[in-house]
Protein backbone atom coordinates (compact mmCIF):
# COMPACT_ATOMS: atom_id res chain seq x y z
CA MET A 1 121.18 119.82 128.12
CA LEU A 2 123.90 120.31 125.56
CA ARG A 3 125.61 123.83 125.05
CA VAL A 4 128.29 124.52 122.72
CA GLU A 5 130.00 128.31 122.73
CA GLY A 6 132.94 129.05 119.95
CA LEU A 7 133.36 125.84 118.49
CA GLU A 8 135.99 125.80 115.85
CA SER A 9 137.02 122.53 114.30
CA ALA A 10 139.49 121.74 111.56
CA TYR A 11 140.59 118.51 109.48
CA GLY A 12 144.45 118.75 109.64
CA GLU A 13 145.13 122.67 108.50
CA SER A 14 141.53 122.93 106.88
CA ARG A 15 139.41 125.00 109.58
CA VAL A 16 135.76 123.72 108.96
CA LEU A 17 133.73 125.13 112.43
CA PHE A 18 134.70 129.18 112.62
CA GLY A 19 133.11 130.00 116.26
CA ILE A 20 129.86 127.59 116.48
CA ASP A 21 127.26 128.59 118.73
CA LEU A 22 123.84 126.42 119.70
CA ALA A 23 122.16 124.88 123.04
CA VAL A 24 119.97 122.07 123.27
CA GLY A 25 116.99 122.23 126.38
CA ARG A 26 115.70 119.05 128.23
CA GLY A 27 112.89 117.85 126.19
CA GLU A 28 113.62 120.37 123.29
CA VAL A 29 114.45 119.42 119.44
CA VAL A 30 116.28 121.53 117.80
CA THR A 31 117.79 121.02 114.78
CA LEU A 32 121.14 121.74 112.47
CA ILE A 33 120.29 122.38 108.92
CA GLY A 34 122.15 123.90 105.69
CA ARG A 35 123.75 123.08 102.60
CA ASN A 36 125.66 119.84 101.90
CA GLY A 37 129.72 120.46 103.34
CA MET A 38 128.55 123.74 105.69
CA GLY A 39 129.82 121.68 108.68
CA LYS A 40 126.98 120.09 110.31
CA THR A 41 128.32 116.72 110.75
CA THR A 42 131.51 118.35 111.77
CA THR A 43 130.11 119.77 114.60
CA VAL A 44 128.39 116.36 115.87
CA ARG A 45 131.67 114.86 115.36
CA SER A 46 133.19 117.57 117.54
CA ILE A 47 130.25 117.44 120.41
CA PHE A 48 131.18 113.54 120.59
CA GLY A 49 135.15 114.28 120.38
CA LEU A 50 135.40 112.36 117.54
CA LEU A 51 136.80 115.51 116.43
CA ARG A 52 139.23 117.72 118.94
CA PRO A 53 138.04 120.78 118.49
CA LYS A 54 140.33 123.57 117.99
CA ALA A 55 139.01 125.90 119.94
CA GLY A 56 135.77 126.81 121.97
CA ARG A 57 133.63 125.04 124.73
CA ILE A 58 131.54 121.98 124.90
CA ILE A 59 129.16 121.79 127.94
CA ILE A 60 126.79 118.98 129.22
CA GLU A 61 124.52 119.93 131.68
CA GLY A 62 126.90 122.35 133.10
CA GLU A 63 130.14 120.02 133.09
CA ASP A 64 132.88 120.76 130.46
CA VAL A 65 133.49 118.11 128.17
CA THR A 66 135.51 119.62 125.98
CA GLY A 67 138.53 117.12 123.85
CA ARG A 68 137.20 114.41 126.72
CA PRO A 69 137.19 111.01 124.95
CA PRO A 70 134.10 109.66 122.81
CA HIS A 71 133.06 107.52 125.48
CA VAL A 72 133.11 109.54 128.37
CA ILE A 73 131.15 111.80 126.58
CA ALA A 74 128.46 109.07 125.46
CA ARG A 75 128.06 108.13 129.10
CA ARG A 76 127.36 111.95 129.92
CA GLY A 77 123.81 111.03 128.34
CA LEU A 78 124.04 111.89 124.64
CA GLY A 79 123.38 108.93 122.41
CA LEU A 80 124.61 109.48 118.49
CA VAL A 81 122.45 108.12 115.34
CA PRO A 82 125.29 108.12 112.87
CA GLU A 83 125.00 109.25 109.17
CA GLY A 84 125.02 106.04 107.42
CA ARG A 85 123.42 104.53 110.39
CA GLN A 86 126.88 102.13 110.83
CA ILE A 87 124.51 99.17 112.85
CA PHE A 88 126.85 95.60 113.33
CA PRO A 89 125.85 94.00 110.07
CA THR A 90 126.87 90.39 111.32
CA LEU A 91 124.57 90.99 114.56
CA SER A 92 121.17 89.77 114.97
CA VAL A 93 118.65 93.18 115.22
CA GLU A 94 118.10 92.14 118.89
CA GLU A 95 121.76 91.48 119.31
CA ASN A 96 122.44 95.19 117.79
CA LEU A 97 120.42 96.72 120.49
CA LEU A 98 121.84 94.52 123.67
CA ALA A 99 125.40 94.97 122.35
CA THR A 100 125.24 99.46 123.25
CA GLN A 101 122.21 98.58 126.72
CA ARG A 102 123.10 100.68 129.46
CA ALA A 103 121.30 101.60 131.85
CA PRO A 104 120.76 105.21 133.32
CA PRO A 105 122.70 106.60 136.29
CA LYS A 106 119.93 106.44 138.55
CA GLY A 107 116.17 104.85 138.45
CA PRO A 108 114.80 101.63 136.08
CA ALA A 109 115.81 101.82 132.34
CA LYS A 110 113.26 104.01 130.10
CA TRP A 111 114.29 102.40 126.99
CA THR A 112 114.65 98.48 127.55
CA LEU A 113 114.19 96.41 124.86
CA GLU A 114 110.45 96.02 124.89
CA ALA A 115 109.87 99.39 124.96
CA VAL A 116 112.00 99.64 121.49
CA TYR A 117 110.64 97.09 120.27
CA ARG A 118 106.95 98.67 121.04
CA LEU A 119 108.72 102.16 119.33
CA PHE A 120 109.43 100.00 116.55
CA PRO A 121 107.63 96.99 116.13
CA ARG A 122 109.30 96.06 112.64
CA LEU A 123 112.14 95.64 115.00
CA ASN A 124 110.42 92.97 117.31
CA GLU A 125 109.31 91.24 113.95
CA ARG A 126 112.48 91.36 112.23
CA ARG A 127 114.83 90.39 115.99
CA ARG A 128 116.45 87.37 114.79
CA ASN A 129 117.76 88.90 111.17
CA GLY A 130 121.24 89.84 110.85
CA GLY A 131 121.75 93.80 110.56
CA ASN A 132 122.90 93.04 106.81
CA GLU A 133 119.44 91.47 106.19
CA LEU A 134 117.26 94.88 106.97
CA SER A 135 116.14 97.20 104.70
CA GLY A 136 117.62 101.12 104.67
CA GLY A 137 114.61 102.37 106.66
CA GLU A 138 114.71 98.75 108.64
CA GLN A 139 118.51 99.90 109.61
CA GLN A 140 117.58 103.30 110.45
CA MET A 141 115.00 102.24 113.17
CA LEU A 142 117.61 99.61 114.48
CA ALA A 143 120.32 102.68 114.71
CA ILE A 144 117.55 104.98 116.45
CA GLY A 145 116.60 101.88 119.10
CA ARG A 146 120.01 101.26 119.75
CA ALA A 147 120.67 105.14 120.68
CA LEU A 148 117.89 105.02 123.14
CA MET A 149 119.18 101.46 124.82
CA THR A 150 122.45 103.79 125.91
CA SER A 151 119.44 105.23 128.03
CA PRO A 152 120.21 108.86 126.44
CA ARG A 153 119.23 112.45 127.72
CA LEU A 154 120.07 113.58 124.57
CA VAL A 155 119.42 111.75 120.71
CA VAL A 156 121.85 113.20 118.07
CA LEU A 157 120.86 111.93 115.05
CA ASP A 158 123.00 113.20 111.90
CA GLU A 159 120.80 112.70 108.41
CA ALA A 160 117.34 111.38 109.68
CA THR A 161 115.33 110.15 107.16
CA GLU A 162 118.53 110.01 104.62
CA GLY A 163 117.85 107.77 101.35
CA LEU A 164 114.79 106.63 102.18
CA ALA A 165 111.19 105.90 100.84
CA PRO A 166 108.87 108.76 101.39
CA LEU A 167 106.36 106.50 103.32
CA ILE A 168 109.18 105.49 105.62
CA ARG A 169 110.54 108.88 106.15
CA GLU A 170 107.30 109.17 107.53
CA GLU A 171 107.12 106.57 109.84
CA ILE A 172 110.57 107.93 111.24
CA TRP A 173 108.65 111.04 111.79
CA ALA A 174 105.99 109.18 113.46
CA CYS A 175 108.62 107.65 116.34
CA LEU A 176 110.90 110.38 116.54
CA ARG A 177 107.71 112.98 117.55
CA ALA A 178 107.23 109.67 120.32
CA ILE A 179 110.58 110.33 121.59
CA LYS A 180 110.09 113.55 121.70
CA ASP A 181 106.42 113.09 123.26
CA GLU A 182 108.83 110.77 126.16
CA GLY A 183 110.43 114.25 126.77
CA GLU A 184 113.79 112.99 125.59
CA ALA A 185 116.03 115.99 123.58
CA ILE A 186 116.54 115.98 120.40
CA LEU A 187 119.14 117.46 117.71
CA VAL A 188 118.33 116.73 114.85
CA ILE A 189 120.47 117.04 111.01
CA ASP A 190 117.87 116.00 108.28
CA LYS A 191 117.61 117.95 104.73
CA ASN A 192 113.65 117.79 104.92
CA VAL A 193 112.95 121.15 106.41
CA ASP A 194 109.38 121.23 106.21
CA ALA A 195 108.85 117.98 108.48
CA LEU A 196 112.11 119.63 110.67
CA ALA A 197 109.62 122.60 110.81
CA ARG A 198 106.39 120.27 112.18
CA PHE A 199 108.70 118.84 115.27
CA ALA A 200 110.83 121.12 116.07
CA ASP A 201 111.28 123.86 118.38
CA ARG A 202 113.96 125.82 117.30
CA HIS A 203 116.71 125.87 114.43
CA VAL A 204 119.64 126.48 113.92
CA VAL A 205 121.31 127.24 110.19
CA ILE A 206 125.11 126.80 109.27
CA GLU A 207 126.39 128.34 106.38
CA LYS A 208 130.53 127.94 105.69
CA GLY A 209 130.91 127.00 109.24
CA ARG A 210 129.65 129.54 111.13
CA VAL A 211 125.33 130.18 112.55
CA ALA A 212 123.98 131.87 109.59
CA TRP A 213 120.56 132.07 111.37
CA THR A 214 118.19 130.68 114.53
CA GLY A 215 114.97 130.78 115.09
CA THR A 216 111.87 129.27 116.14
CA SER A 217 109.50 127.13 113.62
CA ASP A 218 107.14 130.15 113.31
CA ASP A 219 110.30 132.25 112.49
CA LEU A 220 111.21 129.80 109.63
CA ARG A 221 107.98 129.86 108.52
CA ARG A 222 107.46 133.29 107.90
CA SER A 223 111.07 133.81 106.69
CA PRO A 224 111.32 132.35 103.12
CA GLU A 225 114.45 134.36 102.96
CA VAL A 226 116.50 132.04 104.68
CA LYS A 227 115.13 128.89 102.79
CA ASP A 228 116.24 130.21 99.57
CA ARG A 229 119.68 131.92 101.20
CA PHE A 230 120.75 128.76 103.03
CA LEU A 231 118.98 125.66 102.11
CA HIS A 232 118.11 125.82 98.57
CA VAL A 233 121.26 123.79 96.36
């Protein structure tokens, strides 16, 4: 679904990524983990064309989209749940969802308004409320639902549960498992490594703009030194 090869990116003269390689297969859940400031969000921004890479390639379903505008990349089947949610505060829940609705290239849409409301009943209850009237957890649900309304084949979540209460975090993880069960590929950034290990297929650890370790959830559970060296503050 997605392949990133030798990705290098910078902000001005400040280089942040130094040859990132990662891949996400169809229906696969892959995490991008590491301490703060290691290049995770920069990787996501580069994938979506929000930051033009200095080198490397970004390939979506066999098509090289490196350097293409963000709207072109999004139309190749990538849906983004950005850090900080970034919902439209003056639009209602339903208007937020309908604003990004896009039909898939072929066949009926899987993620309709009704399907998103089944996944997130709380959004249905608050569909007439403004985005700025929602709690943090509800805003995250809305951001995920908005991404699903673009009919993505890969959903990318930057800080999936940051700042949320424990019960709400568990609700978000349950919904992401349901999305996985629907066959969607997911690339997720989050600090809750134990939850990620229960949910994801593979993990990519980034350290100072480089891939420091990759492995399965079983590999991660058997490698406490990975957590100690690359993930603990």
